[in-house]
C-alpha atoms as a PDB file:
ATOM      1  CA  UNK A   1     -75.931  -0.896 -28.131  1.00  0.00           C
ATOM      2  CA  UNK A   2     -76.232   1.785 -25.510  1.00  0.00           C
ATOM      3  CA  UNK A   3     -78.502   3.432 -22.980  1.00  0.00           C
ATOM      4  CA  UNK A   4     -78.365   6.551 -20.836  1.00  0.00           C
ATOM      5  CA  UNK A   5     -77.623   6.099 -17.138  1.00  0.00           C
ATOM      6  CA  UNK A   6     -80.842   6.215 -15.157  1.00  0.00           C
ATOM      7  CA  UNK A   7     -82.892   4.500 -17.888  1.00  0.00           C
ATOM      8  CA  UNK A   8     -85.738   2.169 -16.925  1.00  0.00           C
ATOM      9  CA  UNK A   9     -85.632  -1.586 -17.589  1.00  0.00           C
ATOM     10  CA  UNK A  10     -84.679  -2.284 -21.179  1.00  0.00           C
ATOM     11  CA  UNK A  11     -85.548  -5.315 -23.324  1.00  0.00           C
ATOM     12  CA  UNK A  12     -82.646  -6.481 -25.462  1.00  0.00           C
ATOM     13  CA  UNK A  13     -83.075  -8.737 -28.507  1.00  0.00           C
ATOM     14  CA  UNK A  14     -80.146 -11.050 -29.235  1.00  0.00           C
ATOM     15  CA  UNK A  15     -79.855 -12.647 -32.660  1.00  0.00           C
ATOM     16  CA  UNK A  16     -77.558 -15.585 -33.376  1.00  0.00           C
ATOM     17  CA  UNK A  17     -77.771 -19.315 -33.926  1.00  0.00           C
ATOM     18  CA  UNK A  18     -77.872 -22.507 -31.912  1.00  0.00           C
ATOM     19  CA  UNK A  19     -79.870 -21.100 -28.990  1.00  0.00           C
ATOM     20  CA  UNK A  20     -81.637 -23.785 -26.946  1.00  0.00           C
ATOM     21  CA  UNK A  21     -84.296 -24.071 -24.257  1.00  0.00           C
ATOM     22  CA  UNK A  22     -84.372 -27.573 -22.820  1.00  0.00           C
ATOM     23  CA  UNK A  23     -84.444 -29.183 -19.402  1.00  0.00           C
ATOM     24  CA  UNK A  24     -80.673 -29.624 -19.286  1.00  0.00           C
ATOM     25  CA  UNK A  25     -79.437 -27.288 -21.997  1.00  0.00           C
ATOM     26  CA  UNK A  26     -80.353 -23.604 -21.815  1.00  0.00           C
ATOM     27  CA  UNK A  27     -79.160 -20.379 -23.475  1.00  0.00           C
ATOM     28  CA  UNK A  28     -78.991 -17.343 -21.178  1.00  0.00           C
ATOM     29  CA  UNK A  29     -77.947 -13.747 -21.805  1.00  0.00           C
ATOM     30  CA  UNK A  30     -75.131 -12.607 -19.514  1.00  0.00           C
ATOM     31  CA  UNK A  31     -74.175  -9.051 -18.458  1.00  0.00           C
ATOM     32  CA  UNK A  32     -70.440  -9.080 -17.627  1.00  0.00           C
ATOM     33  CA  UNK A  33     -68.763  -6.152 -15.851  1.00  0.00           C
ATOM     34  CA  UNK A  34     -65.432  -6.097 -13.982  1.00  0.00           C
ATOM     35  CA  UNK A  35     -65.145  -9.884 -13.795  1.00  0.00           C
ATOM     36  CA  UNK A  36     -68.681 -10.338 -12.486  1.00  0.00           C
ATOM     37  CA  UNK A  37     -71.525 -12.053 -14.367  1.00  0.00           C
ATOM     38  CA  UNK A  38     -75.198 -11.200 -14.004  1.00  0.00           C
ATOM     39  CA  UNK A  39     -77.551 -13.618 -15.737  1.00  0.00           C
ATOM     40  CA  UNK A  40     -80.406 -11.617 -17.231  1.00  0.00           C
ATOM     41  CA  UNK A  41     -84.020 -12.790 -17.293  1.00  0.00           C
ATOM     42  CA  UNK A  42     -83.919 -14.450 -20.713  1.00  0.00           C
ATOM     43  CA  UNK A  43     -86.811 -15.532 -22.931  1.00  0.00           C
ATOM     44  CA  UNK A  44     -86.206 -18.144 -25.631  1.00  0.00           C
ATOM     45  CA  UNK A  45     -87.939 -16.981 -28.819  1.00  0.00           C
ATOM     46  CA  UNK A  46     -86.330 -19.380 -31.300  1.00  0.00           C
ATOM     47  CA  UNK A  47     -83.058 -21.105 -32.109  1.00  0.00           C
ATOM     48  CA  UNK A  48     -81.878 -17.783 -33.556  1.00  0.00           C
ATOM     49  CA  UNK A  49     -83.444 -15.232 -31.171  1.00  0.00           C
ATOM     50  CA  UNK A  50     -83.477 -14.513 -27.441  1.00  0.00           C
ATOM     51  CA  UNK A  51     -84.832 -11.533 -25.533  1.00  0.00           C
ATOM     52  CA  UNK A  52     -83.486 -10.418 -22.182  1.00  0.00           C
ATOM     53  CA  UNK A  53     -84.362  -7.701 -19.704  1.00  0.00           C
ATOM     54  CA  UNK A  54     -81.583  -5.415 -18.535  1.00  0.00           C
ATOM     55  CA  UNK A  55     -82.905  -4.160 -15.192  1.00  0.00           C
ATOM     56  CA  UNK A  56     -82.714  -0.463 -14.346  1.00  0.00           C
ATOM     57  CA  UNK A  57     -80.312  -1.259 -11.507  1.00  0.00           C
ATOM     58  CA  UNK A  58     -77.671  -2.264 -14.095  1.00  0.00           C
ATOM     59  CA  UNK A  59     -78.355   0.919 -16.052  1.00  0.00           C
ATOM     60  CA  UNK A  60     -78.067   3.259 -13.061  1.00  0.00           C
ATOM     61  CA  UNK A  61     -74.462   4.376 -13.645  1.00  0.00           C
ATOM     62  CA  UNK A  62     -72.151   4.838 -16.636  1.00  0.00           C
ATOM     63  CA  UNK A  63     -70.346   1.593 -17.499  1.00  0.00           C
ATOM     64  CA  UNK A  64     -69.202  -0.508 -20.441  1.00  0.00           C
ATOM     65  CA  UNK A  65     -70.559  -4.030 -20.057  1.00  0.00           C
ATOM     66  CA  UNK A  66     -69.936  -7.112 -22.158  1.00  0.00           C
ATOM     67  CA  UNK A  67     -73.123  -8.868 -23.268  1.00  0.00           C
ATOM     68  CA  UNK A  68     -72.872 -12.508 -24.312  1.00  0.00           C
ATOM     69  CA  UNK A  69     -74.871 -15.729 -24.434  1.00  0.00           C
ATOM     70  CA  UNK A  70     -73.969 -18.739 -22.317  1.00  0.00           C
ATOM     71  CA  UNK A  71     -75.372 -22.103 -23.374  1.00  0.00           C
ATOM     72  CA  UNK A  72     -75.166 -25.329 -21.411  1.00  0.00           C
ATOM     73  CA  UNK A  73     -76.555 -27.207 -18.448  1.00  0.00           C
ATOM     74  CA  UNK A  74     -76.785 -25.121 -15.271  1.00  0.00           C
ATOM     75  CA  UNK A  75     -76.810 -28.440 -13.351  1.00  0.00           C
ATOM     76  CA  UNK A  76     -73.423 -29.364 -14.798  1.00  0.00           C
ATOM     77  CA  UNK A  77     -74.188 -32.382 -17.005  1.00  0.00           C
ATOM     78  CA  UNK A  78     -73.410 -30.525 -20.267  1.00  0.00           C
ATOM     79  CA  UNK A  79     -70.397 -28.245 -20.754  1.00  0.00           C
ATOM     80  CA  UNK A  80     -71.007 -24.497 -20.889  1.00  0.00           C
ATOM     81  CA  UNK A  81     -70.085 -22.494 -23.959  1.00  0.00           C
ATOM     82  CA  UNK A  82     -70.004 -18.734 -24.397  1.00  0.00           C
ATOM     83  CA  UNK A  83     -70.419 -16.568 -27.462  1.00  0.00           C
ATOM     84  CA  UNK A  84     -68.165 -13.663 -28.240  1.00  0.00           C
ATOM     85  CA  UNK A  85     -69.141 -10.593 -26.230  1.00  0.00           C
ATOM     86  CA  UNK A  86     -70.552  -7.345 -27.583  1.00  0.00           C
ATOM     87  CA  UNK A  87     -69.993  -4.065 -25.722  1.00  0.00           C
ATOM     88  CA  UNK A  88     -73.039  -2.337 -24.241  1.00  0.00           C
ATOM     89  CA  UNK A  89     -72.318   1.222 -23.099  1.00  0.00           C
ATOM     90  CA  UNK A  90     -74.279   3.034 -20.407  1.00  0.00           C
ATOM     91  CA  UNK A  91     -73.494   6.709 -20.927  1.00  0.00           C
ATOM     92  CA  UNK A  92     -73.690   9.622 -18.513  1.00  0.00           C
ATOM     93  CA  UNK A  93     -76.950  11.621 -18.733  1.00  0.00           C
END
């Protein structure tokens, strides 16, 4: 899981299990760098597959990001859970 710094938007496919897409329970792909989370535009494909767009702005400079899935209610009525993170490396050109 890597890209070269300066790459255009990239679509990432995430495989797993238990992904949801309901009114009060949603799975979202998260880009985590230096203690800061960016929720990526996530498309629910199925209970085992999500796609997410990593925008070019996040790929502009070399970095190692953690990519994970957060599932829960963004309104707070269901607890949030997070998957284990996978490293995504943006390398120097």
